[in-house]
């Protein structure tokens, strides 16, 4: 009898805590524009849930961590809220919190990228046909 009561309480606690598929949550939290893109990123190994590769139908819960890649940017976030509906961006930002370590690492990478771009300046315009021919001739003689 006691085991039945315990399992019923656990069931009620689990039922009270909402869960959503990982791909739906990533879409609702506005990390990816479409659910299919979120699914592709999860399948491609760009998203890790609690430090593990998972499938798109994995149920997410409040308090769990997600590590994801968006282009050159890597983010480590903690889930604060769960929803299936995609809402405005300010509401979506309340669903998660980025960790301090993730923020500092992202800022360091952005700064390094900025300094790297400054050390290799781009020309103001494309070379003309004559200049291109001269460049090709110059490179071929070296």
C-alpha atoms as a PDB file:
ATOM      1  CA  UNK A   1       0.000   0.000   0.000  1.00  0.00           C
ATOM      2  CA  UNK A   2       2.803   2.372   0.899  1.00  0.00           C
ATOM      3  CA  UNK A   3       4.587   1.736  -2.424  1.00  0.00           C
ATOM      4  CA  UNK A   4       1.382   2.565  -4.322  1.00  0.00           C
ATOM      5  CA  UNK A   5       1.052   5.902  -2.533  1.00  0.00           C
ATOM      6  CA  UNK A   6       4.657   6.766  -3.221  1.00  0.00           C
ATOM      7  CA  UNK A   7       4.415   5.961  -6.928  1.00  0.00           C
ATOM      8  CA  UNK A   8       1.155   7.911  -7.201  1.00  0.00           C
ATOM      9  CA  UNK A   9       2.816  10.970  -5.639  1.00  0.00           C
ATOM     10  CA  UNK A  10       5.785  10.686  -8.002  1.00  0.00           C
ATOM     11  CA  UNK A  11       3.374  10.447 -10.922  1.00  0.00           C
ATOM     12  CA  UNK A  12       1.511  13.548  -9.720  1.00  0.00           C
ATOM     13  CA  UNK A  13       4.787  15.475  -9.307  1.00  0.00           C
ATOM     14  CA  UNK A  14       5.927  14.493 -12.786  1.00  0.00           C
ATOM     15  CA  UNK A  15       2.521  15.367 -14.236  1.00  0.00           C
ATOM     16  CA  UNK A  16       2.558  18.775 -12.521  1.00  0.00           C
ATOM     17  CA  UNK A  17       5.933  19.656 -14.038  1.00  0.00           C
ATOM     18  CA  UNK A  18       5.401  20.468 -17.737  1.00  0.00           C
ATOM     19  CA  UNK A  19       7.676  18.877 -20.306  1.00  0.00           C
ATOM     20  CA  UNK A  20       8.174  19.731 -23.963  1.00  0.00           C
ATOM     21  CA  UNK A  21      10.135  18.179 -26.815  1.00  0.00           C
ATOM     22  CA  UNK A  22      13.642  19.606 -27.174  1.00  0.00           C
ATOM     23  CA  UNK A  23      13.144  20.743 -30.776  1.00  0.00           C
ATOM     24  CA  UNK A  24       9.892  22.528 -29.870  1.00  0.00           C
ATOM     25  CA  UNK A  25      11.527  24.225 -26.888  1.00  0.00           C
ATOM     26  CA  UNK A  26      14.521  25.441 -28.928  1.00  0.00           C
ATOM     27  CA  UNK A  27      12.108  26.850 -31.509  1.00  0.00           C
ATOM     28  CA  UNK A  28       9.867  28.462 -28.846  1.00  0.00           C
ATOM     29  CA  UNK A  29      12.906  29.977 -27.093  1.00  0.00           C
ATOM     30  CA  UNK A  30      13.938  31.465 -30.470  1.00  0.00           C
ATOM     31  CA  UNK A  31      17.307  29.780 -30.828  1.00  0.00           C
ATOM     32  CA  UNK A  32      16.352  28.524 -34.299  1.00  0.00           C
ATOM     33  CA  UNK A  33      13.875  29.945 -36.818  1.00  0.00           C
ATOM     34  CA  UNK A  34      12.050  26.702 -37.554  1.00  0.00           C
ATOM     35  CA  UNK A  35      11.451  23.423 -35.783  1.00  0.00           C
ATOM     36  CA  UNK A  36      12.961  21.553 -38.714  1.00  0.00           C
ATOM     37  CA  UNK A  37      16.167  23.603 -38.362  1.00  0.00           C
ATOM     38  CA  UNK A  38      16.215  22.869 -34.618  1.00  0.00           C
ATOM     39  CA  UNK A  39      15.741  19.167 -35.392  1.00  0.00           C
ATOM     40  CA  UNK A  40      18.573  19.242 -37.943  1.00  0.00           C
ATOM     41  CA  UNK A  41      20.916  20.871 -35.409  1.00  0.00           C
ATOM     42  CA  UNK A  42      20.053  18.281 -32.768  1.00  0.00           C
ATOM     43  CA  UNK A  43      20.551  15.415 -35.232  1.00  0.00           C
ATOM     44  CA  UNK A  44      23.837  16.970 -36.386  1.00  0.00           C
ATOM     45  CA  UNK A  45      25.261  16.976 -32.854  1.00  0.00           C
ATOM     46  CA  UNK A  46      25.196  20.761 -32.449  1.00  0.00           C
ATOM     47  CA  UNK A  47      22.919  20.525 -29.393  1.00  0.00           C
ATOM     48  CA  UNK A  48      23.774  18.623 -26.189  1.00  0.00           C
ATOM     49  CA  UNK A  49      21.232  18.146 -23.407  1.00  0.00           C
ATOM     50  CA  UNK A  50      22.811  17.564 -19.968  1.00  0.00           C
ATOM     51  CA  UNK A  51      26.194  16.928 -21.676  1.00  0.00           C
ATOM     52  CA  UNK A  52      24.766  14.166 -23.901  1.00  0.00           C
ATOM     53  CA  UNK A  53      23.700  13.919 -27.516  1.00  0.00           C
ATOM     54  CA  UNK A  54      19.973  13.313 -27.654  1.00  0.00           C
ATOM     55  CA  UNK A  55      17.151  12.970 -30.148  1.00  0.00           C
ATOM     56  CA  UNK A  56      14.754  15.819 -30.981  1.00  0.00           C
ATOM     57  CA  UNK A  57      11.894  14.181 -29.071  1.00  0.00           C
ATOM     58  CA  UNK A  58      13.764  14.337 -25.732  1.00  0.00           C
ATOM     59  CA  UNK A  59      11.551  15.890 -23.051  1.00  0.00           C
ATOM     60  CA  UNK A  60      13.138  18.979 -21.452  1.00  0.00           C
ATOM     61  CA  UNK A  61      12.574  20.016 -17.843  1.00  0.00           C
ATOM     62  CA  UNK A  62      13.218  23.148 -15.816  1.00  0.00           C
ATOM     63  CA  UNK A  63      16.744  23.250 -14.359  1.00  0.00           C
ATOM     64  CA  UNK A  64      18.416  21.147 -17.066  1.00  0.00           C
ATOM     65  CA  UNK A  65      21.334  22.439 -19.130  1.00  0.00           C
ATOM     66  CA  UNK A  66      21.724  22.710 -22.885  1.00  0.00           C
ATOM     67  CA  UNK A  67      24.912  23.393 -24.864  1.00  0.00           C
ATOM     68  CA  UNK A  68      24.258  24.557 -28.418  1.00  0.00           C
ATOM     69  CA  UNK A  69      26.066  26.009 -31.405  1.00  0.00           C
ATOM     70  CA  UNK A  70      24.782  28.835 -33.555  1.00  0.00           C
ATOM     71  CA  UNK A  71      27.321  29.409 -36.294  1.00  0.00           C
ATOM     72  CA  UNK A  72      30.620  30.277 -34.562  1.00  0.00           C
ATOM     73  CA  UNK A  73      28.865  30.927 -31.244  1.00  0.00           C
ATOM     74  CA  UNK A  74      28.672  28.263 -28.524  1.00  0.00           C
ATOM     75  CA  UNK A  75      26.208  28.805 -25.679  1.00  0.00           C
ATOM     76  CA  UNK A  76      25.645  26.979 -22.390  1.00  0.00           C
ATOM     77  CA  UNK A  77      22.179  27.674 -21.003  1.00  0.00           C
ATOM     78  CA  UNK A  78      19.984  26.605 -18.092  1.00  0.00           C
ATOM     79  CA  UNK A  79      16.254  26.094 -18.690  1.00  0.00           C
ATOM     80  CA  UNK A  80      14.100  28.361 -16.497  1.00  0.00           C
ATOM     81  CA  UNK A  81      10.729  27.824 -18.153  1.00  0.00           C
ATOM     82  CA  UNK A  82       8.993  25.418 -20.506  1.00  0.00           C
ATOM     83  CA  UNK A  83       6.519  26.251 -23.256  1.00  0.00           C
ATOM     84  CA  UNK A  84       5.408  24.879 -26.601  1.00  0.00           C
ATOM     85  CA  UNK A  85       4.255  28.203 -28.008  1.00  0.00           C
ATOM     86  CA  UNK A  86       6.575  30.630 -29.735  1.00  0.00           C
ATOM     87  CA  UNK A  87       5.988  34.091 -28.378  1.00  0.00           C
ATOM     88  CA  UNK A  88       7.689  37.479 -28.520  1.00  0.00           C
ATOM     89  CA  UNK A  89      11.450  37.639 -28.034  1.00  0.00           C
ATOM     90  CA  UNK A  90      11.302  39.242 -24.546  1.00  0.00           C
ATOM     91  CA  UNK A  91       9.106  36.376 -23.344  1.00  0.00           C
ATOM     92  CA  UNK A  92      11.389  33.815 -24.995  1.00  0.00           C
ATOM     93  CA  UNK A  93      14.426  35.223 -23.166  1.00  0.00           C
ATOM     94  CA  UNK A  94      12.720  34.496 -19.843  1.00  0.00           C
ATOM     95  CA  UNK A  95      12.728  30.761 -20.656  1.00  0.00           C
ATOM     96  CA  UNK A  96      16.498  30.368 -20.165  1.00  0.00           C
ATOM     97  CA  UNK A  97      19.608  31.849 -18.574  1.00  0.00           C
ATOM     98  CA  UNK A  98      23.056  31.712 -20.108  1.00  0.00           C
ATOM     99  CA  UNK A  99      25.815  30.659 -17.707  1.00  0.00           C
ATOM    100  CA  UNK A 100      28.511  33.157 -16.703  1.00  0.00           C
ATOM    101  CA  UNK A 101      31.279  30.930 -18.083  1.00  0.00           C
ATOM    102  CA  UNK A 102      29.518  30.793 -21.436  1.00  0.00           C
ATOM    103  CA  UNK A 103      29.135  34.571 -21.592  1.00  0.00           C
ATOM    104  CA  UNK A 104      32.807  35.257 -20.814  1.00  0.00           C
ATOM    105  CA  UNK A 105      34.012  32.615 -23.285  1.00  0.00           C
ATOM    106  CA  UNK A 106      31.751  34.032 -26.015  1.00  0.00           C
ATOM    107  CA  UNK A 107      33.034  37.572 -25.368  1.00  0.00           C
ATOM    108  CA  UNK A 108      36.669  36.410 -25.526  1.00  0.00           C
ATOM    109  CA  UNK A 109      36.076  34.666 -28.852  1.00  0.00           C
ATOM    110  CA  UNK A 110      34.303  37.752 -30.255  1.00  0.00           C
ATOM    111  CA  UNK A 111      37.206  39.961 -29.170  1.00  0.00           C
ATOM    112  CA  UNK A 112      39.771  37.610 -30.727  1.00  0.00           C
ATOM    113  CA  UNK A 113      37.756  37.551 -33.955  1.00  0.00           C
ATOM    114  CA  UNK A 114      37.621  41.355 -33.941  1.00  0.00           C
ATOM    115  CA  UNK A 115      41.400  41.685 -33.511  1.00  0.00           C
ATOM    116  CA  UNK A 116      41.994  39.058 -36.181  1.00  0.00           C
ATOM    117  CA  UNK A 117      39.868  41.031 -38.639  1.00  0.00           C
ATOM    118  CA  UNK A 118      41.771  44.222 -37.843  1.00  0.00           C
ATOM    119  CA  UNK A 119      45.122  42.579 -38.556  1.00  0.00           C
ATOM    120  CA  UNK A 120      43.987  41.540 -42.045  1.00  0.00           C
ATOM    121  CA  UNK A 121      42.364  44.602 -43.603  1.00  0.00           C
ATOM    122  CA  UNK A 122      40.186  44.163 -46.667  1.00  0.00           C
ATOM    123  CA  UNK A 123      40.642  46.353 -49.738  1.00  0.00           C
ATOM    124  CA  UNK A 124      38.087  49.095 -50.254  1.00  0.00           C
ATOM    125  CA  UNK A 125      37.121  47.789 -53.689  1.00  0.00           C
ATOM    126  CA  UNK A 126      37.562  44.807 -55.977  1.00  0.00           C
ATOM    127  CA  UNK A 127      40.499  44.922 -58.411  1.00  0.00           C
ATOM    128  CA  UNK A 128      39.779  45.942 -61.971  1.00  0.00           C
ATOM    129  CA  UNK A 129      40.320  43.532 -64.843  1.00  0.00           C
ATOM    130  CA  UNK A 130      43.724  45.076 -65.569  1.00  0.00           C
ATOM    131  CA  UNK A 131      44.780  44.906 -61.894  1.00  0.00           C
ATOM    132  CA  UNK A 132      43.632  41.288 -61.701  1.00  0.00           C
ATOM    133  CA  UNK A 133      45.751  40.368 -64.739  1.00  0.00           C
ATOM    134  CA  UNK A 134      48.753  42.099 -63.169  1.00  0.00           C
ATOM    135  CA  UNK A 135      48.209  40.188 -59.896  1.00  0.00           C
ATOM    136  CA  UNK A 136      47.989  36.867 -61.711  1.00  0.00           C
ATOM    137  CA  UNK A 137      51.142  37.635 -63.677  1.00  0.00           C
ATOM    138  CA  UNK A 138      52.969  38.731 -60.511  1.00  0.00           C
ATOM    139  CA  UNK A 139      51.955  35.559 -58.629  1.00  0.00           C
ATOM    140  CA  UNK A 140      52.948  33.275 -61.496  1.00  0.00           C
ATOM    141  CA  UNK A 141      56.522  34.665 -61.570  1.00  0.00           C
ATOM    142  CA  UNK A 142      57.142  33.938 -57.897  1.00  0.00           C
END
